[in-house]
Amino acid sequence: LAALLGNGLIITAVACDHHLHTPMYFFLLNLSLLDIGTISVIVPKSMANSLWDTRAISYLGCTAQLFLILFFFLAEFSLLTVMAYDRFVAICKPLHYGTIMGSRACVKMAAAAWASGFLNSVMHTAKTFSMPFCKGNVVEQFFCELPPILKLSCSDSYLKVFWALVISVCLFFGCFIFIVLSYVQIFTAVLRIPSEQGRHKAFSMCLPHLAVVSLLVSTVIFACLKPPSLSSPALDLVLGVLYSVVPPAVNPLIYSMRNKELKDALRKLVQ
């Protein structure tokens, strides 16, 4: 409910307030749409299973859930990379911002983020569900995600998804390195600003985005790279909640907490 309310308010405020029709808020609107998609794929089915005291999901339902989760997650990380570039241009090349981040360019970048998520999701889902499963039908997670499903496949067919995983890992680390390099240049430029007020304004523009990226990346990397000795159903459940449910609920709060324009628009909207 917190995720739906927070992201819904941001989408409505950005759409209705003409002062927020800028590249930064356009990308924020897209991020809120992806967050609503992520939470809507995972939580309702888990709630229904809990209410009906069952742990079942159909084969087609699991396929659709995996596809949509990968789509929204990969598209969101691609969009966060685009948002890092937007902050880089705004702070490091302010005189060229209007030219570089025109409306057409913003639409193309957002479309590229959605398309990258869609294509990667199609590739992973097709590869995963073309494999035979010979190790039972119990997914050790409260939703259908890739690692628990791959554990059910036959060992000799695991290599079928190897190249798809390599492509996604390369894309993930490529985006991550681009974000890091962008922020190195951003902080270098901010520290050169002579006035304290100017530095504070620049940091206020970047910190929400940096907090969202840090939350997402830290939980995903820990979930993927944790040693087998630490693996347990309870820990996997907590990590699953941290990177799939918490970010969509917390992102609206992070972006609106230090943003005066957005808070004013939300206040008008509520009134």
C-alpha atoms as a PDB file:
ATOM      1  CA  LEU A   1       0.000   0.000   0.000  1.00  0.00           C
ATOM      2  CA  ALA A   2       2.868   2.381   0.820  1.00  0.00           C
ATOM      3  CA  ALA A   3       4.512   1.629  -2.535  1.00  0.00           C
ATOM      4  CA  LEU A   4       1.286   2.090  -4.504  1.00  0.00           C
ATOM      5  CA  LEU A   5       0.339   5.302  -2.672  1.00  0.00           C
ATOM      6  CA  GLY A   6       3.816   6.888  -2.820  1.00  0.00           C
ATOM      7  CA  ASN A   7       4.504   6.066  -6.451  1.00  0.00           C
ATOM      8  CA  GLY A   8       0.935   6.898  -7.468  1.00  0.00           C
ATOM      9  CA  LEU A   9       1.217  10.343  -5.878  1.00  0.00           C
ATOM     10  CA  ILE A  10       4.531  11.014  -7.654  1.00  0.00           C
ATOM     11  CA  ILE A  11       3.108   9.962 -11.046  1.00  0.00           C
ATOM     12  CA  THR A  12       0.015  12.141 -10.547  1.00  0.00           C
ATOM     13  CA  ALA A  13       2.030  15.150  -9.292  1.00  0.00           C
ATOM     14  CA  VAL A  14       4.513  15.013 -12.189  1.00  0.00           C
ATOM     15  CA  ALA A  15       1.741  14.544 -14.755  1.00  0.00           C
ATOM     16  CA  CYS A  16      -0.464  17.362 -13.389  1.00  0.00           C
ATOM     17  CA  ASP A  17       2.088  20.037 -12.396  1.00  0.00           C
ATOM     18  CA  HIS A  18       3.649  21.782 -15.417  1.00  0.00           C
ATOM     19  CA  HIS A  19       6.565  22.973 -13.240  1.00  0.00           C
ATOM     20  CA  LEU A  20       7.676  19.345 -13.030  1.00  0.00           C
ATOM     21  CA  HIS A  21       7.717  18.758 -16.794  1.00  0.00           C
ATOM     22  CA  THR A  22      11.515  18.514 -16.859  1.00  0.00           C
ATOM     23  CA  PRO A  23      13.865  15.595 -17.725  1.00  0.00           C
ATOM     24  CA  MET A  24      14.587  14.754 -14.077  1.00  0.00           C
ATOM     25  CA  TYR A  25      10.902  14.388 -13.170  1.00  0.00           C
ATOM     26  CA  PHE A  26      10.109  12.622 -16.447  1.00  0.00           C
ATOM     27  CA  PHE A  27      12.615   9.920 -15.518  1.00  0.00           C
ATOM     28  CA  LEU A  28      11.260   9.866 -11.956  1.00  0.00           C
ATOM     29  CA  LEU A  29       7.766   9.236 -13.353  1.00  0.00           C
ATOM     30  CA  ASN A  30       9.145   6.283 -15.336  1.00  0.00           C
ATOM     31  CA  LEU A  31      10.893   4.974 -12.209  1.00  0.00           C
ATOM     32  CA  SER A  32       7.621   5.129 -10.272  1.00  0.00           C
ATOM     33  CA  LEU A  33       5.830   3.190 -13.029  1.00  0.00           C
ATOM     34  CA  LEU A  34       8.510   0.478 -12.870  1.00  0.00           C
ATOM     35  CA  ASP A  35       8.279   0.354  -9.062  1.00  0.00           C
ATOM     36  CA  ILE A  36       4.503  -0.113  -9.216  1.00  0.00           C
ATOM     37  CA  GLY A  37       5.023  -2.882 -11.781  1.00  0.00           C
ATOM     38  CA  THR A  38       7.592  -4.676  -9.599  1.00  0.00           C
ATOM     39  CA  ILE A  39       5.500  -4.604  -6.436  1.00  0.00           C
ATOM     40  CA  SER A  40       2.320  -5.589  -8.316  1.00  0.00           C
ATOM     41  CA  VAL A  41       3.937  -8.705  -9.795  1.00  0.00           C
ATOM     42  CA  ILE A  42       5.284 -10.020  -6.478  1.00  0.00           C
ATOM     43  CA  VAL A  43       3.095  -8.992  -3.542  1.00  0.00           C
ATOM     44  CA  PRO A  44      -0.527  -9.749  -4.643  1.00  0.00           C
ATOM     45  CA  LYS A  45       0.244 -13.410  -5.432  1.00  0.00           C
ATOM     46  CA  SER A  46       2.103 -13.795  -2.126  1.00  0.00           C
ATOM     47  CA  MET A  47      -0.831 -12.224  -0.265  1.00  0.00           C
ATOM     48  CA  ALA A  48      -3.330 -14.501  -2.034  1.00  0.00           C
ATOM     49  CA  ASN A  49      -1.264 -17.592  -1.182  1.00  0.00           C
ATOM     50  CA  SER A  50      -1.040 -16.464   2.428  1.00  0.00           C
ATOM     51  CA  LEU A  51      -4.793 -15.821   2.693  1.00  0.00           C
ATOM     52  CA  TRP A  52      -5.705 -19.163   1.082  1.00  0.00           C
ATOM     53  CA  ASP A  53      -3.021 -21.034   3.050  1.00  0.00           C
ATOM     54  CA  THR A  54      -1.309 -22.408  -0.061  1.00  0.00           C
ATOM     55  CA  ARG A  55       2.134 -22.191  -1.655  1.00  0.00           C
ATOM     56  CA  ALA A  56       1.086 -23.121  -5.190  1.00  0.00           C
ATOM     57  CA  ILE A  57       1.654 -21.248  -8.441  1.00  0.00           C
ATOM     58  CA  SER A  58       0.901 -22.569 -11.923  1.00  0.00           C
ATOM     59  CA  TYR A  59       3.650 -23.231 -14.471  1.00  0.00           C
ATOM     60  CA  LEU A  60       2.379 -20.410 -16.716  1.00  0.00           C
ATOM     61  CA  GLY A  61       1.968 -18.142 -13.690  1.00  0.00           C
ATOM     62  CA  CYS A  62       5.568 -18.768 -12.662  1.00  0.00           C
ATOM     63  CA  THR A  63       6.745 -18.109 -16.239  1.00  0.00           C
ATOM     64  CA  ALA A  64       4.844 -14.810 -16.376  1.00  0.00           C
ATOM     65  CA  GLN A  65       6.068 -13.773 -12.923  1.00  0.00           C
ATOM     66  CA  LEU A  66       9.723 -14.461 -13.791  1.00  0.00           C
ATOM     67  CA  PHE A  67       9.388 -12.579 -17.095  1.00  0.00           C
ATOM     68  CA  LEU A  68       7.780  -9.511 -15.503  1.00  0.00           C
ATOM     69  CA  ILE A  69      10.156  -9.419 -12.510  1.00  0.00           C
ATOM     70  CA  LEU A  70      13.220  -9.531 -14.780  1.00  0.00           C
ATOM     71  CA  PHE A  71      11.654  -6.965 -17.113  1.00  0.00           C
ATOM     72  CA  PHE A  72      10.878  -4.404 -14.407  1.00  0.00           C
ATOM     73  CA  PHE A  73      14.115  -4.966 -12.492  1.00  0.00           C
ATOM     74  CA  LEU A  74      16.458  -4.726 -15.503  1.00  0.00           C
ATOM     75  CA  ALA A  75      14.547  -1.765 -16.942  1.00  0.00           C
ATOM     76  CA  GLU A  76      14.746   0.005 -13.570  1.00  0.00           C
ATOM     77  CA  PHE A  77      18.509  -0.409 -13.317  1.00  0.00           C
ATOM     78  CA  SER A  78      18.923   0.828 -16.910  1.00  0.00           C
ATOM     79  CA  LEU A  79      16.731   3.828 -16.057  1.00  0.00           C
ATOM     80  CA  LEU A  80      18.821   4.585 -12.952  1.00  0.00           C
ATOM     81  CA  THR A  81      21.857   4.673 -15.279  1.00  0.00           C
ATOM     82  CA  VAL A  82      20.061   7.176 -17.529  1.00  0.00           C
ATOM     83  CA  MET A  83      19.181   9.260 -14.449  1.00  0.00           C
ATOM     84  CA  ALA A  84      22.864   9.286 -13.432  1.00  0.00           C
ATOM     85  CA  TYR A  85      23.701  10.663 -16.892  1.00  0.00           C
ATOM     86  CA  ASP A  86      20.981  13.316 -16.479  1.00  0.00           C
ATOM     87  CA  ARG A  87      22.536  14.435 -13.152  1.00  0.00           C
ATOM     88  CA  PHE A  88      26.005  14.429 -14.752  1.00  0.00           C
ATOM     89  CA  VAL A  89      24.893  16.728 -17.592  1.00  0.00           C
ATOM     90  CA  ALA A  90      22.961  19.018 -15.209  1.00  0.00           C
ATOM     91  CA  ILE A  91      25.975  19.583 -12.924  1.00  0.00           C
ATOM     92  CA  CYS A  92      29.017  19.157 -15.188  1.00  0.00           C
ATOM     93  CA  LYS A  93      27.590  20.678 -18.401  1.00  0.00           C
ATOM     94  CA  PRO A  94      24.826  23.040 -17.265  1.00  0.00           C
ATOM     95  CA  LEU A  95      25.081  25.376 -20.286  1.00  0.00           C
ATOM     96  CA  HIS A  96      24.463  22.477 -22.673  1.00  0.00           C
ATOM     97  CA  TYR A  97      21.758  20.800 -20.562  1.00  0.00           C
ATOM     98  CA  GLY A  98      18.807  22.039 -22.629  1.00  0.00           C
ATOM     99  CA  THR A  99      20.449  20.902 -25.865  1.00  0.00           C
ATOM    100  CA  ILE A 100      21.628  17.480 -24.688  1.00  0.00           C
ATOM    101  CA  MET A 101      18.554  16.586 -22.610  1.00  0.00           C
ATOM    102  CA  GLY A 102      15.857  17.686 -25.043  1.00  0.00           C
ATOM    103  CA  SER A 103      12.406  16.109 -24.898  1.00  0.00           C
ATOM    104  CA  ARG A 104      13.115  13.796 -27.836  1.00  0.00           C
ATOM    105  CA  ALA A 105      16.417  12.629 -26.344  1.00  0.00           C
ATOM    106  CA  CYS A 106      14.738  11.939 -22.981  1.00  0.00           C
ATOM    107  CA  VAL A 107      11.989   9.857 -24.597  1.00  0.00           C
ATOM    108  CA  LYS A 108      14.603   7.862 -26.558  1.00  0.00           C
ATOM    109  CA  MET A 109      16.678   7.188 -23.412  1.00  0.00           C
ATOM    110  CA  ALA A 110      13.632   6.105 -21.394  1.00  0.00           C
ATOM    111  CA  ALA A 111      12.475   3.892 -24.280  1.00  0.00           C
ATOM    112  CA  ALA A 112      15.960   2.330 -24.487  1.00  0.00           C
ATOM    113  CA  ALA A 113      15.812   1.522 -20.738  1.00  0.00           C
ATOM    114  CA  TRP A 114      12.401  -0.170 -21.103  1.00  0.00           C
ATOM    115  CA  ALA A 115      13.519  -1.998 -24.278  1.00  0.00           C
ATOM    116  CA  SER A 116      16.729  -3.324 -22.669  1.00  0.00           C
ATOM    117  CA  GLY A 117      14.702  -4.733 -19.786  1.00  0.00           C
ATOM    118  CA  PHE A 118      12.202  -6.335 -22.170  1.00  0.00           C
ATOM    119  CA  LEU A 119      14.819  -7.954 -24.449  1.00  0.00           C
ATOM    120  CA  ASN A 120      16.873  -9.321 -21.534  1.00  0.00           C
ATOM    121  CA  SER A 121      13.728 -10.651 -19.880  1.00  0.00           C
ATOM    122  CA  VAL A 122      12.593 -12.419 -23.069  1.00  0.00           C
ATOM    123  CA  MET A 123      16.051 -13.988 -23.456  1.00  0.00           C
ATOM    124  CA  HIS A 124      16.243 -15.250 -19.851  1.00  0.00           C
ATOM    125  CA  THR A 125      12.663 -16.518 -19.681  1.00  0.00           C
ATOM    126  CA  ALA A 126      12.899 -18.356 -22.993  1.00  0.00           C
ATOM    127  CA  LYS A 127      16.226 -19.972 -22.062  1.00  0.00           C
ATOM    128  CA  THR A 128      15.114 -20.904 -18.544  1.00  0.00           C
ATOM    129  CA  PHE A 129      11.795 -22.532 -19.418  1.00  0.00           C
ATOM    130  CA  SER A 130      13.213 -24.383 -22.432  1.00  0.00           C
ATOM    131  CA  MET A 131      15.205 -26.535 -19.980  1.00  0.00           C
ATOM    132  CA  PRO A 132      13.942 -29.787 -18.440  1.00  0.00           C
ATOM    133  CA  PHE A 133      13.340 -29.691 -14.671  1.00  0.00           C
ATOM    134  CA  CYS A 134      14.229 -32.911 -12.869  1.00  0.00           C
ATOM    135  CA  LYS A 135      14.790 -31.815  -9.251  1.00  0.00           C
ATOM    136  CA  GLY A 136      11.251 -31.329  -8.001  1.00  0.00           C
ATOM    137  CA  ASN A 137       8.832 -28.441  -8.299  1.00  0.00           C
ATOM    138  CA  VAL A 138       9.428 -26.477  -5.080  1.00  0.00           C
ATOM    139  CA  VAL A 139      10.779 -22.942  -5.620  1.00  0.00           C
ATOM    140  CA  GLU A 140      12.627 -21.924  -2.450  1.00  0.00           C
ATOM    141  CA  GLN A 141      11.431 -18.303  -2.458  1.00  0.00           C
ATOM    142  CA  PHE A 142       8.117 -16.491  -2.035  1.00  0.00           C
ATOM    143  CA  PHE A 143       8.108 -15.593  -5.746  1.00  0.00           C
ATOM    144  CA  CYS A 144       9.507 -17.100  -8.955  1.00  0.00           C
ATOM    145  CA  GLU A 145      12.988 -15.673  -9.445  1.00  0.00           C
ATOM    146  CA  LEU A 146      15.872 -17.000 -11.512  1.00  0.00           C
ATOM    147  CA  PRO A 147      18.311 -18.659  -9.022  1.00  0.00           C
ATOM    148  CA  PRO A 148      15.750 -20.933  -7.258  1.00  0.00           C
ATOM    149  CA  ILE A 149      14.286 -22.000 -10.625  1.00  0.00           C
ATOM    150  CA  LEU A 150      17.730 -22.820 -12.039  1.00  0.00           C
ATOM    151  CA  LYS A 151      18.366 -25.073  -9.003  1.00  0.00           C
ATOM    152  CA  LEU A 152      15.508 -27.283 -10.219  1.00  0.00           C
ATOM    153  CA  SER A 153      16.996 -27.811 -13.693  1.00  0.00           C
ATOM    154  CA  CYS A 154      19.042 -30.812 -14.718  1.00  0.00           C
ATOM    155  CA  SER A 155      22.776 -30.194 -14.280  1.00  0.00           C
ATOM    156  CA  ASP A 156      23.659 -30.843 -17.917  1.00  0.00           C
ATOM    157  CA  SER A 157      21.119 -28.259 -19.136  1.00  0.00           C
ATOM    158  CA  TYR A 158      22.356 -25.491 -16.817  1.00  0.00           C
ATOM    159  CA  LEU A 159      24.847 -24.356 -19.470  1.00  0.00           C
ATOM    160  CA  LYS A 160      21.950 -23.324 -21.730  1.00  0.00           C
ATOM    161  CA  VAL A 161      21.443 -20.137 -19.721  1.00  0.00           C
ATOM    162  CA  PHE A 162      25.169 -19.454 -19.236  1.00  0.00           C
ATOM    163  CA  TRP A 163      25.536 -16.935 -22.072  1.00  0.00           C
ATOM    164  CA  ALA A 164      22.272 -15.198 -21.154  1.00  0.00           C
ATOM    165  CA  LEU A 165      23.612 -14.770 -17.609  1.00  0.00           C
ATOM    166  CA  VAL A 166      26.956 -13.500 -18.945  1.00  0.00           C
ATOM    167  CA  ILE A 167      25.193 -10.873 -21.091  1.00  0.00           C
ATOM    168  CA  SER A 168      23.057  -9.688 -18.161  1.00  0.00           C
ATOM    169  CA  VAL A 169      26.017  -9.572 -15.755  1.00  0.00           C
ATOM    170  CA  CYS A 170      28.033  -7.558 -18.288  1.00  0.00           C
ATOM    171  CA  LEU A 171      25.097  -5.174 -18.751  1.00  0.00           C
ATOM    172  CA  PHE A 172      24.657  -4.838 -14.977  1.00  0.00           C
ATOM    173  CA  PHE A 173      28.328  -4.096 -14.309  1.00  0.00           C
ATOM    174  CA  GLY A 174      28.521  -1.821 -17.361  1.00  0.00           C
ATOM    175  CA  CYS A 175      25.664   0.262 -15.968  1.00  0.00           C
ATOM    176  CA  PHE A 176      27.183   0.167 -12.481  1.00  0.00           C
ATOM    177  CA  ILE A 177      30.616   1.355 -13.714  1.00  0.00           C
ATOM    178  CA  PHE A 178      28.938   4.127 -15.765  1.00  0.00           C
ATOM    179  CA  ILE A 179      27.062   5.308 -12.653  1.00  0.00           C
ATOM    180  CA  VAL A 180      30.259   5.266 -10.541  1.00  0.00           C
ATOM    181  CA  LEU A 181      32.258   7.204 -13.171  1.00  0.00           C
ATOM    182  CA  SER A 182      29.409   9.717 -13.529  1.00  0.00           C
ATOM    183  CA  TYR A 183      29.389  10.372  -9.780  1.00  0.00           C
ATOM    184  CA  VAL A 184      33.173  10.676  -9.602  1.00  0.00           C
ATOM    185  CA  GLN A 185      32.956  13.508 -12.143  1.00  0.00           C
ATOM    186  CA  ILE A 186      29.865  14.974 -10.453  1.00  0.00           C
ATOM    187  CA  PHE A 187      31.516  15.151  -7.001  1.00  0.00           C
ATOM    188  CA  THR A 188      34.710  16.549  -8.534  1.00  0.00           C
ATOM    189  CA  ALA A 189      32.659  19.321 -10.168  1.00  0.00           C
ATOM    190  CA  VAL A 190      30.596  19.969  -7.016  1.00  0.00           C
ATOM    191  CA  LEU A 191      33.682  20.391  -4.818  1.00  0.00           C
ATOM    192  CA  ARG A 192      34.885  23.128  -7.195  1.00  0.00           C
ATOM    193  CA  ILE A 193      31.722  25.198  -6.658  1.00  0.00           C
ATOM    194  CA  PRO A 194      32.816  28.217  -4.567  1.00  0.00           C
ATOM    195  CA  SER A 195      29.570  28.867  -2.677  1.00  0.00           C
ATOM    196  CA  GLU A 196      28.381  26.550   0.079  1.00  0.00           C
ATOM    197  CA  GLN A 197      24.765  27.055  -0.999  1.00  0.00           C
ATOM    198  CA  GLY A 198      25.594  25.929  -4.543  1.00  0.00           C
ATOM    199  CA  ARG A 199      27.344  22.795  -3.263  1.00  0.00           C
ATOM    200  CA  HIS A 200      24.401  21.993  -0.988  1.00  0.00           C
ATOM    201  CA  LYS A 201      21.922  22.362  -3.889  1.00  0.00           C
ATOM    202  CA  ALA A 202      24.031  20.129  -6.140  1.00  0.00           C
ATOM    203  CA  PHE A 203      24.347  17.433  -3.467  1.00  0.00           C
ATOM    204  CA  SER A 204      20.588  17.606  -2.811  1.00  0.00           C
ATOM    205  CA  MET A 205      19.970  16.848  -6.496  1.00  0.00           C
ATOM    206  CA  CYS A 206      22.209  13.761  -6.452  1.00  0.00           C
ATOM    207  CA  LEU A 207      21.844  12.154  -3.018  1.00  0.00           C
ATOM    208  CA  PRO A 208      18.334  10.671  -3.527  1.00  0.00           C
ATOM    209  CA  HIS A 209      19.391   8.956  -6.751  1.00  0.00           C
ATOM    210  CA  LEU A 210      22.616   7.726  -5.147  1.00  0.00           C
ATOM    211  CA  ALA A 211      20.679   6.335  -2.152  1.00  0.00           C
ATOM    212  CA  VAL A 212      18.271   4.414  -4.422  1.00  0.00           C
ATOM    213  CA  VAL A 213      21.152   2.948  -6.486  1.00  0.00           C
ATOM    214  CA  SER A 214      23.100   1.984  -3.341  1.00  0.00           C
ATOM    215  CA  LEU A 215      20.100   0.202  -1.788  1.00  0.00           C
ATOM    216  CA  LEU A 216      19.386  -1.756  -4.954  1.00  0.00           C
ATOM    217  CA  VAL A 217      22.976  -2.677  -5.838  1.00  0.00           C
ATOM    218  CA  SER A 218      24.102  -3.629  -2.308  1.00  0.00           C
ATOM    219  CA  THR A 219      21.212  -6.054  -1.713  1.00  0.00           C
ATOM    220  CA  VAL A 220      21.475  -7.654  -5.174  1.00  0.00           C
ATOM    221  CA  ILE A 221      25.269  -8.100  -4.978  1.00  0.00           C
ATOM    222  CA  PHE A 222      25.053  -9.588  -1.477  1.00  0.00           C
ATOM    223  CA  ALA A 223      22.260 -11.951  -2.548  1.00  0.00           C
ATOM    224  CA  CYS A 224      24.283 -13.136  -5.572  1.00  0.00           C
ATOM    225  CA  LEU A 225      27.750 -13.310  -3.982  1.00  0.00           C
ATOM    226  CA  LYS A 226      26.992 -14.481  -0.444  1.00  0.00           C
ATOM    227  CA  PRO A 227      28.959 -17.654   0.486  1.00  0.00           C
ATOM    228  CA  PRO A 228      27.003 -20.944   0.479  1.00  0.00           C
ATOM    229  CA  SER A 229      27.669 -21.320   4.217  1.00  0.00           C
ATOM    230  CA  LEU A 230      25.417 -18.293   4.859  1.00  0.00           C
ATOM    231  CA  SER A 231      22.614 -19.550   2.636  1.00  0.00           C
ATOM    232  CA  SER A 232      19.383 -20.389   4.443  1.00  0.00           C
ATOM    233  CA  PRO A 233      15.663 -20.127   3.585  1.00  0.00           C
ATOM    234  CA  ALA A 234      15.169 -17.358   6.197  1.00  0.00           C
ATOM    235  CA  LEU A 235      18.088 -15.256   4.882  1.00  0.00           C
ATOM    236  CA  ASP A 236      17.016 -15.765   1.250  1.00  0.00           C
ATOM    237  CA  LEU A 237      13.521 -14.616   2.210  1.00  0.00           C
ATOM    238  CA  VAL A 238      14.829 -11.458   3.917  1.00  0.00           C
ATOM    239  CA  LEU A 239      17.105 -10.645   0.960  1.00  0.00           C
ATOM    240  CA  GLY A 240      14.237 -11.236  -1.463  1.00  0.00           C
ATOM    241  CA  VAL A 241      12.117  -8.717   0.421  1.00  0.00           C
ATOM    242  CA  LEU A 242      15.013  -6.235   0.593  1.00  0.00           C
ATOM    243  CA  TYR A 243      15.651  -6.024  -3.147  1.00  0.00           C
ATOM    244  CA  SER A 244      12.135  -6.667  -4.479  1.00  0.00           C
ATOM    245  CA  VAL A 245       9.690  -5.081  -2.009  1.00  0.00           C
ATOM    246  CA  VAL A 246      11.609  -2.444  -0.016  1.00  0.00           C
ATOM    247  CA  PRO A 247      12.958  -0.276  -2.914  1.00  0.00           C
ATOM    248  CA  PRO A 248       9.522   0.333  -4.536  1.00  0.00           C
ATOM    249  CA  ALA A 249       8.129   1.367  -1.133  1.00  0.00           C
ATOM    250  CA  VAL A 250      11.099   3.506  -0.079  1.00  0.00           C
ATOM    251  CA  ASN A 251      11.969   5.216  -3.394  1.00  0.00           C
ATOM    252  CA  PRO A 252       9.092   7.765  -3.280  1.00  0.00           C
ATOM    253  CA  LEU A 253      10.087   8.734   0.273  1.00  0.00           C
ATOM    254  CA  ILE A 254      13.762   9.128  -0.682  1.00  0.00           C
ATOM    255  CA  TYR A 255      12.974  11.315  -3.693  1.00  0.00           C
ATOM    256  CA  SER A 256      10.400  13.521  -1.979  1.00  0.00           C
ATOM    257  CA  MET A 257      12.196  13.999   1.363  1.00  0.00           C
ATOM    258  CA  ARG A 258      14.754  16.614   0.184  1.00  0.00           C
ATOM    259  CA  ASN A 259      12.919  17.857  -2.917  1.00  0.00           C
ATOM    260  CA  LYS A 260      11.083  21.142  -2.339  1.00  0.00           C
ATOM    261  CA  GLU A 261       9.494  21.277  -5.824  1.00  0.00           C
ATOM    262  CA  LEU A 262       8.071  17.788  -5.489  1.00  0.00           C
ATOM    263  CA  LYS A 263       6.844  18.412  -1.937  1.00  0.00           C
ATOM    264  CA  ASP A 264       5.083  21.599  -3.082  1.00  0.00           C
ATOM    265  CA  ALA A 265       3.444  19.731  -5.981  1.00  0.00           C
ATOM    266  CA  LEU A 266       2.320  16.924  -3.661  1.00  0.00           C
ATOM    267  CA  ARG A 267       0.961  19.456  -1.162  1.00  0.00           C
ATOM    268  CA  LYS A 268      -1.090  21.128  -3.928  1.00  0.00           C
ATOM    269  CA  LEU A 269      -2.285  17.737  -5.110  1.00  0.00           C
ATOM    270  CA  VAL A 270      -3.445  16.668  -1.645  1.00  0.00           C
ATOM    271  CA  GLN A 271      -5.164  20.017  -1.025  1.00  0.00           C
END
